[in-house]
């Protein structure tokens, strides 16, 4: 009689974690927490499958062809490999590329998906990638090196109000995703250089109440503002993904968000 295959280390570890999570009294909260954990496990399996079948390369979207051999410093890797990550921004990204700015300032750059992607699409531009995490900075440097743009992607730490002065010197686009700290940083009263830049910022109302409305008010006189919500896009799925269940296809697009995080696209008038 054939013996069953031994479970992988990942399967064994996840199983033990789930057992511990459900060890207490039954509750909807415990089930919800466990469901989210299992969905992350499944998303990691989807990312590994994508890499095994398609290679460590973004297969669609505005950064199609980018080598993506690093782990995501936060959130899902599968949606990035598919080129479906933050799909609602794709038309904005293409619009930025069409304008051919001289400088991209990516604040909260994480592992460099946008910083390196924009460096590839804008070979004449200088890119500043800024993140408070040393781990994220290391991943960004590795991603830039893997794509041959390490000379134009300048990786560093915190970005302060005074640093925005350079936006007055060059045609600049600021991309900002800093998990609730955007309200304190994007203040033109303290950082007047921002008045010269186009700004794409992810708002986190769950972490900073009223942030979307406050930023819109701050920049309303100087910028044309468009609010952008969530969107899923499976148009880049390779043909073999048709064999997968609907649940796996959804998980491949899931970005691990727990609530709405609208973006503001603010273009100088």
C-alpha atoms as a PDB file:
ATOM      1  CA  UNK A   1       0.000   0.000   0.000  1.00  0.00           C
ATOM      2  CA  UNK A   2       1.371   3.377  -1.040  1.00  0.00           C
ATOM      3  CA  UNK A   3       2.225   5.669   1.848  1.00  0.00           C
ATOM      4  CA  UNK A   4       0.893   9.239   1.708  1.00  0.00           C
ATOM      5  CA  UNK A   5       3.457  11.884   0.865  1.00  0.00           C
ATOM      6  CA  UNK A   6       4.931  13.779   3.754  1.00  0.00           C
ATOM      7  CA  UNK A   7       3.521  17.293   4.103  1.00  0.00           C
ATOM      8  CA  UNK A   8       5.818  20.160   3.241  1.00  0.00           C
ATOM      9  CA  UNK A   9       7.337  22.249   6.015  1.00  0.00           C
ATOM     10  CA  UNK A  10       4.990  25.100   5.076  1.00  0.00           C
ATOM     11  CA  UNK A  11       1.913  22.849   5.225  1.00  0.00           C
ATOM     12  CA  UNK A  12       2.956  21.425   8.582  1.00  0.00           C
ATOM     13  CA  UNK A  13       3.672  24.867  10.036  1.00  0.00           C
ATOM     14  CA  UNK A  14       0.399  26.359   8.811  1.00  0.00           C
ATOM     15  CA  UNK A  15      -1.572  23.386  10.118  1.00  0.00           C
ATOM     16  CA  UNK A  16      -0.072  23.745  13.581  1.00  0.00           C
ATOM     17  CA  UNK A  17      -0.754  27.477  13.599  1.00  0.00           C
ATOM     18  CA  UNK A  18      -4.389  26.963  12.603  1.00  0.00           C
ATOM     19  CA  UNK A  19      -4.828  24.374  15.347  1.00  0.00           C
ATOM     20  CA  UNK A  20      -3.511  26.854  17.874  1.00  0.00           C
ATOM     21  CA  UNK A  21      -5.724  29.639  16.536  1.00  0.00           C
ATOM     22  CA  UNK A  22      -8.838  27.471  16.894  1.00  0.00           C
ATOM     23  CA  UNK A  23      -7.914  25.898  20.217  1.00  0.00           C
ATOM     24  CA  UNK A  24     -10.081  28.217  22.293  1.00  0.00           C
ATOM     25  CA  UNK A  25     -13.864  28.572  22.561  1.00  0.00           C
ATOM     26  CA  UNK A  26     -15.709  28.836  19.220  1.00  0.00           C
ATOM     27  CA  UNK A  27     -16.105  32.409  18.010  1.00  0.00           C
ATOM     28  CA  UNK A  28     -16.690  34.293  14.780  1.00  0.00           C
ATOM     29  CA  UNK A  29     -13.644  36.424  15.557  1.00  0.00           C
ATOM     30  CA  UNK A  30     -11.383  33.363  15.739  1.00  0.00           C
ATOM     31  CA  UNK A  31     -12.815  32.008  12.493  1.00  0.00           C
ATOM     32  CA  UNK A  32     -12.336  35.326  10.705  1.00  0.00           C
ATOM     33  CA  UNK A  33      -8.742  35.577  11.906  1.00  0.00           C
ATOM     34  CA  UNK A  34      -8.066  32.003  10.802  1.00  0.00           C
ATOM     35  CA  UNK A  35      -9.690  32.579   7.410  1.00  0.00           C
ATOM     36  CA  UNK A  36      -7.443  35.573   6.770  1.00  0.00           C
ATOM     37  CA  UNK A  37      -4.379  33.572   7.809  1.00  0.00           C
ATOM     38  CA  UNK A  38      -5.312  30.676   5.506  1.00  0.00           C
ATOM     39  CA  UNK A  39      -5.966  33.078   2.634  1.00  0.00           C
ATOM     40  CA  UNK A  40      -2.435  34.459   3.068  1.00  0.00           C
ATOM     41  CA  UNK A  41      -1.083  30.903   3.007  1.00  0.00           C
ATOM     42  CA  UNK A  42      -2.996  30.207  -0.197  1.00  0.00           C
ATOM     43  CA  UNK A  43      -1.781  33.480  -1.711  1.00  0.00           C
ATOM     44  CA  UNK A  44       1.806  32.435  -1.042  1.00  0.00           C
ATOM     45  CA  UNK A  45       1.163  29.114  -2.777  1.00  0.00           C
ATOM     46  CA  UNK A  46      -0.290  31.030  -5.734  1.00  0.00           C
ATOM     47  CA  UNK A  47       2.834  33.209  -5.888  1.00  0.00           C
ATOM     48  CA  UNK A  48       5.087  30.138  -5.833  1.00  0.00           C
ATOM     49  CA  UNK A  49       3.020  28.513  -8.586  1.00  0.00           C
ATOM     50  CA  UNK A  50       3.190  31.656 -10.719  1.00  0.00           C
ATOM     51  CA  UNK A  51       6.953  31.845 -10.315  1.00  0.00           C
ATOM     52  CA  UNK A  52       7.388  28.145 -11.091  1.00  0.00           C
ATOM     53  CA  UNK A  53       5.277  28.325 -14.262  1.00  0.00           C
ATOM     54  CA  UNK A  54       6.056  31.834 -15.537  1.00  0.00           C
ATOM     55  CA  UNK A  55       9.349  32.719 -13.897  1.00  0.00           C
ATOM     56  CA  UNK A  56      10.034  35.556 -11.427  1.00  0.00           C
ATOM     57  CA  UNK A  57       8.811  38.178 -13.890  1.00  0.00           C
ATOM     58  CA  UNK A  58       5.829  40.536 -13.881  1.00  0.00           C
ATOM     59  CA  UNK A  59       3.644  39.169 -16.673  1.00  0.00           C
ATOM     60  CA  UNK A  60       1.224  42.047 -17.359  1.00  0.00           C
ATOM     61  CA  UNK A  61       0.333  45.598 -16.367  1.00  0.00           C
ATOM     62  CA  UNK A  62       2.414  48.788 -16.583  1.00  0.00           C
ATOM     63  CA  UNK A  63       5.580  47.051 -15.338  1.00  0.00           C
ATOM     64  CA  UNK A  64       5.330  43.989 -17.569  1.00  0.00           C
ATOM     65  CA  UNK A  65       8.708  42.316 -17.962  1.00  0.00           C
ATOM     66  CA  UNK A  66      10.154  43.583 -14.684  1.00  0.00           C
ATOM     67  CA  UNK A  67      12.250  40.972 -12.908  1.00  0.00           C
ATOM     68  CA  UNK A  68      10.612  40.434  -9.519  1.00  0.00           C
ATOM     69  CA  UNK A  69      12.869  38.053  -7.629  1.00  0.00           C
ATOM     70  CA  UNK A  70      12.381  39.543  -4.164  1.00  0.00           C
ATOM     71  CA  UNK A  71       9.698  39.005  -1.560  1.00  0.00           C
ATOM     72  CA  UNK A  72       7.113  41.731  -1.092  1.00  0.00           C
ATOM     73  CA  UNK A  73       7.991  43.644   2.064  1.00  0.00           C
ATOM     74  CA  UNK A  74       4.272  43.839   2.800  1.00  0.00           C
ATOM     75  CA  UNK A  75       1.154  42.510   1.122  1.00  0.00           C
ATOM     76  CA  UNK A  76       0.821  40.002  -1.652  1.00  0.00           C
ATOM     77  CA  UNK A  77       3.457  38.878  -4.130  1.00  0.00           C
ATOM     78  CA  UNK A  78       1.006  37.051  -6.417  1.00  0.00           C
ATOM     79  CA  UNK A  79      -0.847  40.176  -7.588  1.00  0.00           C
ATOM     80  CA  UNK A  80       2.470  41.899  -8.280  1.00  0.00           C
ATOM     81  CA  UNK A  81       3.715  38.982 -10.396  1.00  0.00           C
ATOM     82  CA  UNK A  82       0.434  39.062 -12.301  1.00  0.00           C
ATOM     83  CA  UNK A  83       0.791  42.802 -12.885  1.00  0.00           C
ATOM     84  CA  UNK A  84      -2.657  43.198 -11.314  1.00  0.00           C
ATOM     85  CA  UNK A  85      -1.471  44.968  -8.170  1.00  0.00           C
ATOM     86  CA  UNK A  86      -3.465  48.166  -7.481  1.00  0.00           C
ATOM     87  CA  UNK A  87      -5.123  47.839 -10.870  1.00  0.00           C
ATOM     88  CA  UNK A  88      -7.143  51.018 -10.428  1.00  0.00           C
ATOM     89  CA  UNK A  89      -3.883  53.000 -10.696  1.00  0.00           C
ATOM     90  CA  UNK A  90      -2.760  51.576 -14.025  1.00  0.00           C
ATOM     91  CA  UNK A  91      -4.195  54.375 -16.151  1.00  0.00           C
ATOM     92  CA  UNK A  92      -2.640  56.964 -13.811  1.00  0.00           C
ATOM     93  CA  UNK A  93       0.747  55.247 -14.053  1.00  0.00           C
ATOM     94  CA  UNK A  94       0.540  55.275 -17.844  1.00  0.00           C
ATOM     95  CA  UNK A  95      -0.417  58.959 -17.734  1.00  0.00           C
ATOM     96  CA  UNK A  96       2.601  59.743 -15.556  1.00  0.00           C
ATOM     97  CA  UNK A  97       4.870  57.881 -17.971  1.00  0.00           C
ATOM     98  CA  UNK A  98       3.407  59.822 -20.904  1.00  0.00           C
ATOM     99  CA  UNK A  99       4.330  63.105 -19.161  1.00  0.00           C
ATOM    100  CA  UNK A 100       7.950  61.917 -18.811  1.00  0.00           C
ATOM    101  CA  UNK A 101       8.771  63.632 -15.492  1.00  0.00           C
ATOM    102  CA  UNK A 102      12.374  64.239 -14.508  1.00  0.00           C
ATOM    103  CA  UNK A 103      12.020  62.990 -10.932  1.00  0.00           C
ATOM    104  CA  UNK A 104       9.976  60.309  -9.167  1.00  0.00           C
ATOM    105  CA  UNK A 105       9.875  60.456  -5.363  1.00  0.00           C
ATOM    106  CA  UNK A 106       8.478  57.186  -3.994  1.00  0.00           C
ATOM    107  CA  UNK A 107       7.828  57.546  -0.258  1.00  0.00           C
ATOM    108  CA  UNK A 108       7.000  54.273   1.451  1.00  0.00           C
ATOM    109  CA  UNK A 109       8.674  52.475  -1.427  1.00  0.00           C
ATOM    110  CA  UNK A 110       8.636  49.037   0.263  1.00  0.00           C
ATOM    111  CA  UNK A 111      10.545  46.507  -1.858  1.00  0.00           C
ATOM    112  CA  UNK A 112      10.519  48.887  -4.842  1.00  0.00           C
ATOM    113  CA  UNK A 113       7.676  47.682  -7.057  1.00  0.00           C
ATOM    114  CA  UNK A 114       6.863  51.244  -8.118  1.00  0.00           C
ATOM    115  CA  UNK A 115      10.332  52.758  -7.773  1.00  0.00           C
ATOM    116  CA  UNK A 116      11.987  50.135  -9.967  1.00  0.00           C
ATOM    117  CA  UNK A 117       8.998  49.843 -12.293  1.00  0.00           C
ATOM    118  CA  UNK A 118       9.016  53.584 -12.942  1.00  0.00           C
ATOM    119  CA  UNK A 119      12.785  53.564 -13.442  1.00  0.00           C
ATOM    120  CA  UNK A 120      12.328  50.931 -16.143  1.00  0.00           C
ATOM    121  CA  UNK A 121       9.552  52.847 -17.871  1.00  0.00           C
ATOM    122  CA  UNK A 122      11.242  56.271 -17.512  1.00  0.00           C
ATOM    123  CA  UNK A 123      14.889  55.711 -18.448  1.00  0.00           C
ATOM    124  CA  UNK A 124      15.612  59.463 -18.343  1.00  0.00           C
ATOM    125  CA  UNK A 125      14.231  59.961 -14.822  1.00  0.00           C
ATOM    126  CA  UNK A 126      15.878  60.006 -11.435  1.00  0.00           C
ATOM    127  CA  UNK A 127      14.035  57.925  -8.837  1.00  0.00           C
ATOM    128  CA  UNK A 128      14.215  58.443  -5.089  1.00  0.00           C
ATOM    129  CA  UNK A 129      12.979  55.407  -3.134  1.00  0.00           C
ATOM    130  CA  UNK A 130      12.414  56.184   0.532  1.00  0.00           C
ATOM    131  CA  UNK A 131      11.302  53.809   3.273  1.00  0.00           C
ATOM    132  CA  UNK A 132      11.730  53.777   7.047  1.00  0.00           C
ATOM    133  CA  UNK A 133      12.423  50.017   7.053  1.00  0.00           C
ATOM    134  CA  UNK A 134      16.005  48.823   6.625  1.00  0.00           C
ATOM    135  CA  UNK A 135      14.656  45.494   5.371  1.00  0.00           C
ATOM    136  CA  UNK A 136      12.548  47.216   2.707  1.00  0.00           C
ATOM    137  CA  UNK A 137      15.524  49.322   1.649  1.00  0.00           C
ATOM    138  CA  UNK A 138      17.626  46.187   1.188  1.00  0.00           C
ATOM    139  CA  UNK A 139      14.934  44.536  -0.907  1.00  0.00           C
ATOM    140  CA  UNK A 140      14.583  47.661  -3.046  1.00  0.00           C
ATOM    141  CA  UNK A 141      18.316  47.771  -3.725  1.00  0.00           C
ATOM    142  CA  UNK A 142      18.225  44.088  -4.723  1.00  0.00           C
ATOM    143  CA  UNK A 143      15.258  44.659  -7.048  1.00  0.00           C
ATOM    144  CA  UNK A 144      16.919  47.666  -8.669  1.00  0.00           C
ATOM    145  CA  UNK A 145      20.104  45.638  -9.213  1.00  0.00           C
ATOM    146  CA  UNK A 146      18.166  42.717 -10.719  1.00  0.00           C
ATOM    147  CA  UNK A 147      16.650  45.109 -13.256  1.00  0.00           C
ATOM    148  CA  UNK A 148      19.806  47.031 -14.060  1.00  0.00           C
ATOM    149  CA  UNK A 149      18.537  50.390 -12.762  1.00  0.00           C
ATOM    150  CA  UNK A 150      20.549  50.579  -9.541  1.00  0.00           C
ATOM    151  CA  UNK A 151      22.376  53.691 -10.768  1.00  0.00           C
ATOM    152  CA  UNK A 152      19.103  55.665 -11.062  1.00  0.00           C
ATOM    153  CA  UNK A 153      17.172  54.356  -8.039  1.00  0.00           C
ATOM    154  CA  UNK A 154      18.521  56.105  -4.958  1.00  0.00           C
ATOM    155  CA  UNK A 155      17.378  54.187  -1.884  1.00  0.00           C
ATOM    156  CA  UNK A 156      17.182  55.869   1.501  1.00  0.00           C
ATOM    157  CA  UNK A 157      15.254  56.334   4.716  1.00  0.00           C
ATOM    158  CA  UNK A 158      12.845  58.953   6.011  1.00  0.00           C
ATOM    159  CA  UNK A 159      11.800  61.888   3.841  1.00  0.00           C
ATOM    160  CA  UNK A 160      11.041  65.173   5.611  1.00  0.00           C
ATOM    161  CA  UNK A 161       9.191  68.393   4.772  1.00  0.00           C
ATOM    162  CA  UNK A 162      12.364  70.234   3.789  1.00  0.00           C
ATOM    163  CA  UNK A 163      13.313  67.476   1.342  1.00  0.00           C
ATOM    164  CA  UNK A 164      10.369  68.404  -0.896  1.00  0.00           C
ATOM    165  CA  UNK A 165      12.205  71.588  -1.919  1.00  0.00           C
ATOM    166  CA  UNK A 166      13.705  69.646  -4.827  1.00  0.00           C
ATOM    167  CA  UNK A 167      10.219  69.365  -6.342  1.00  0.00           C
ATOM    168  CA  UNK A 168      10.468  73.035  -7.348  1.00  0.00           C
ATOM    169  CA  UNK A 169      13.600  72.332  -9.363  1.00  0.00           C
ATOM    170  CA  UNK A 170      12.409  69.495 -11.603  1.00  0.00           C
ATOM    171  CA  UNK A 171       9.176  68.132 -13.052  1.00  0.00           C
ATOM    172  CA  UNK A 172       8.308  65.809 -10.188  1.00  0.00           C
ATOM    173  CA  UNK A 173       5.799  63.121  -9.324  1.00  0.00           C
ATOM    174  CA  UNK A 174       5.476  62.103  -5.681  1.00  0.00           C
ATOM    175  CA  UNK A 175       4.090  58.632  -4.925  1.00  0.00           C
ATOM    176  CA  UNK A 176       3.218  58.263  -1.252  1.00  0.00           C
ATOM    177  CA  UNK A 177       2.063  55.180   0.665  1.00  0.00           C
ATOM    178  CA  UNK A 178       3.042  55.498   4.325  1.00  0.00           C
ATOM    179  CA  UNK A 179       0.260  53.754   6.254  1.00  0.00           C
ATOM    180  CA  UNK A 180      -1.524  56.703   7.843  1.00  0.00           C
ATOM    181  CA  UNK A 181       1.401  59.137   8.147  1.00  0.00           C
ATOM    182  CA  UNK A 182       0.457  60.867   4.882  1.00  0.00           C
ATOM    183  CA  UNK A 183      -1.579  63.523   6.691  1.00  0.00           C
ATOM    184  CA  UNK A 184       1.429  64.741   8.674  1.00  0.00           C
ATOM    185  CA  UNK A 185       3.894  64.597   5.777  1.00  0.00           C
ATOM    186  CA  UNK A 186       1.883  66.031   2.884  1.00  0.00           C
ATOM    187  CA  UNK A 187       1.391  69.497   4.324  1.00  0.00           C
ATOM    188  CA  UNK A 188       2.148  72.321   1.854  1.00  0.00           C
ATOM    189  CA  UNK A 189       2.284  74.824   4.698  1.00  0.00           C
ATOM    190  CA  UNK A 190       5.347  72.996   6.039  1.00  0.00           C
ATOM    191  CA  UNK A 191       6.533  71.597   2.695  1.00  0.00           C
ATOM    192  CA  UNK A 192       5.851  74.269   0.025  1.00  0.00           C
ATOM    193  CA  UNK A 193       7.818  72.256  -2.519  1.00  0.00           C
ATOM    194  CA  UNK A 194       4.783  69.970  -2.793  1.00  0.00           C
ATOM    195  CA  UNK A 195       2.882  72.739  -4.573  1.00  0.00           C
ATOM    196  CA  UNK A 196       5.104  72.140  -7.626  1.00  0.00           C
ATOM    197  CA  UNK A 197       4.633  68.342  -7.796  1.00  0.00           C
ATOM    198  CA  UNK A 198       1.982  65.971  -9.018  1.00  0.00           C
ATOM    199  CA  UNK A 199       1.078  63.710  -6.082  1.00  0.00           C
ATOM    200  CA  UNK A 200      -0.319  60.184  -6.012  1.00  0.00           C
ATOM    201  CA  UNK A 201      -1.125  59.288  -2.409  1.00  0.00           C
ATOM    202  CA  UNK A 202      -2.828  56.319  -0.800  1.00  0.00           C
ATOM    203  CA  UNK A 203      -5.105  57.448   2.017  1.00  0.00           C
ATOM    204  CA  UNK A 204      -5.706  55.313   5.099  1.00  0.00           C
ATOM    205  CA  UNK A 205      -8.939  56.538   6.710  1.00  0.00           C
ATOM    206  CA  UNK A 206      -8.892  53.588   9.102  1.00  0.00           C
ATOM    207  CA  UNK A 207      -5.599  54.864  10.522  1.00  0.00           C
ATOM    208  CA  UNK A 208      -6.065  58.608  10.077  1.00  0.00           C
ATOM    209  CA  UNK A 209      -9.660  59.827  10.305  1.00  0.00           C
ATOM    210  CA  UNK A 210     -10.695  62.349   7.666  1.00  0.00           C
ATOM    211  CA  UNK A 211      -7.418  62.079   5.772  1.00  0.00           C
ATOM    212  CA  UNK A 212      -8.966  62.014   2.282  1.00  0.00           C
ATOM    213  CA  UNK A 213     -11.039  65.139   2.880  1.00  0.00           C
ATOM    214  CA  UNK A 214      -8.205  67.013   4.612  1.00  0.00           C
ATOM    215  CA  UNK A 215      -5.690  66.369   1.840  1.00  0.00           C
ATOM    216  CA  UNK A 216      -8.254  67.326  -0.795  1.00  0.00           C
ATOM    217  CA  UNK A 217      -8.832  70.609   1.026  1.00  0.00           C
ATOM    218  CA  UNK A 218      -5.105  71.325   1.383  1.00  0.00           C
ATOM    219  CA  UNK A 219      -4.384  70.900  -2.310  1.00  0.00           C
ATOM    220  CA  UNK A 220      -7.722  71.874  -3.835  1.00  0.00           C
ATOM    221  CA  UNK A 221      -6.636  75.374  -4.865  1.00  0.00           C
ATOM    222  CA  UNK A 222      -3.421  74.279  -6.571  1.00  0.00           C
ATOM    223  CA  UNK A 223      -4.173  70.796  -7.896  1.00  0.00           C
ATOM    224  CA  UNK A 224      -6.858  68.997  -9.881  1.00  0.00           C
ATOM    225  CA  UNK A 225      -7.858  66.102  -7.652  1.00  0.00           C
ATOM    226  CA  UNK A 226      -9.254  62.706  -8.614  1.00  0.00           C
ATOM    227  CA  UNK A 227     -10.243  60.130  -6.007  1.00  0.00           C
ATOM    228  CA  UNK A 228      -9.590  56.524  -7.041  1.00  0.00           C
ATOM    229  CA  UNK A 229     -11.175  53.463  -5.443  1.00  0.00           C
ATOM    230  CA  UNK A 230     -10.508  49.738  -5.631  1.00  0.00           C
ATOM    231  CA  UNK A 231     -10.551  47.565  -8.732  1.00  0.00           C
ATOM    232  CA  UNK A 232      -9.782  43.960  -9.612  1.00  0.00           C
ATOM    233  CA  UNK A 233      -8.354  43.061 -13.017  1.00  0.00           C
ATOM    234  CA  UNK A 234      -7.829  39.474 -14.166  1.00  0.00           C
ATOM    235  CA  UNK A 235      -7.058  40.392 -17.788  1.00  0.00           C
ATOM    236  CA  UNK A 236      -3.408  39.440 -17.338  1.00  0.00           C
ATOM    237  CA  UNK A 237      -4.072  35.897 -16.142  1.00  0.00           C
ATOM    238  CA  UNK A 238      -2.099  33.315 -18.122  1.00  0.00           C
ATOM    239  CA  UNK A 239      -4.243  30.712 -19.894  1.00  0.00           C
ATOM    240  CA  UNK A 240      -3.390  27.930 -17.429  1.00  0.00           C
ATOM    241  CA  UNK A 241      -5.069  29.842 -14.597  1.00  0.00           C
ATOM    242  CA  UNK A 242      -8.409  28.998 -16.193  1.00  0.00           C
ATOM    243  CA  UNK A 243      -7.877  25.538 -14.684  1.00  0.00           C
ATOM    244  CA  UNK A 244      -7.933  26.967 -11.163  1.00  0.00           C
ATOM    245  CA  UNK A 245     -10.925  27.370  -8.898  1.00  0.00           C
ATOM    246  CA  UNK A 246     -12.671  30.731  -8.698  1.00  0.00           C
ATOM    247  CA  UNK A 247     -11.451  31.036  -5.119  1.00  0.00           C
ATOM    248  CA  UNK A 248      -7.798  30.611  -6.094  1.00  0.00           C
ATOM    249  CA  UNK A 249      -8.220  33.158  -8.893  1.00  0.00           C
ATOM    250  CA  UNK A 250      -9.677  35.652  -6.440  1.00  0.00           C
ATOM    251  CA  UNK A 251      -6.936  34.991  -3.890  1.00  0.00           C
ATOM    252  CA  UNK A 252      -4.321  35.597  -6.591  1.00  0.00           C
ATOM    253  CA  UNK A 253      -5.707  39.140  -6.940  1.00  0.00           C
ATOM    254  CA  UNK A 254      -6.256  39.779  -3.223  1.00  0.00           C
ATOM    255  CA  UNK A 255      -4.023  42.536  -1.804  1.00  0.00           C
ATOM    256  CA  UNK A 256      -4.536  41.703   1.896  1.00  0.00           C
ATOM    257  CA  UNK A 257      -6.392  44.962   2.635  1.00  0.00           C
ATOM    258  CA  UNK A 258      -8.820  45.004   5.545  1.00  0.00           C
ATOM    259  CA  UNK A 259     -10.768  48.038   4.357  1.00  0.00           C
ATOM    260  CA  UNK A 260     -10.894  50.809   1.766  1.00  0.00           C
ATOM    261  CA  UNK A 261      -7.682  52.728   1.059  1.00  0.00           C
ATOM    262  CA  UNK A 262      -8.630  55.286  -1.602  1.00  0.00           C
ATOM    263  CA  UNK A 263      -5.976  57.059  -3.615  1.00  0.00           C
ATOM    264  CA  UNK A 264      -5.853  60.735  -4.507  1.00  0.00           C
ATOM    265  CA  UNK A 265      -4.281  61.722  -7.812  1.00  0.00           C
ATOM    266  CA  UNK A 266      -3.450  65.406  -7.479  1.00  0.00           C
ATOM    267  CA  UNK A 267      -2.140  67.147 -10.599  1.00  0.00           C
ATOM    268  CA  UNK A 268      -0.777  70.673 -10.514  1.00  0.00           C
ATOM    269  CA  UNK A 269      -3.046  73.160 -12.272  1.00  0.00           C
END
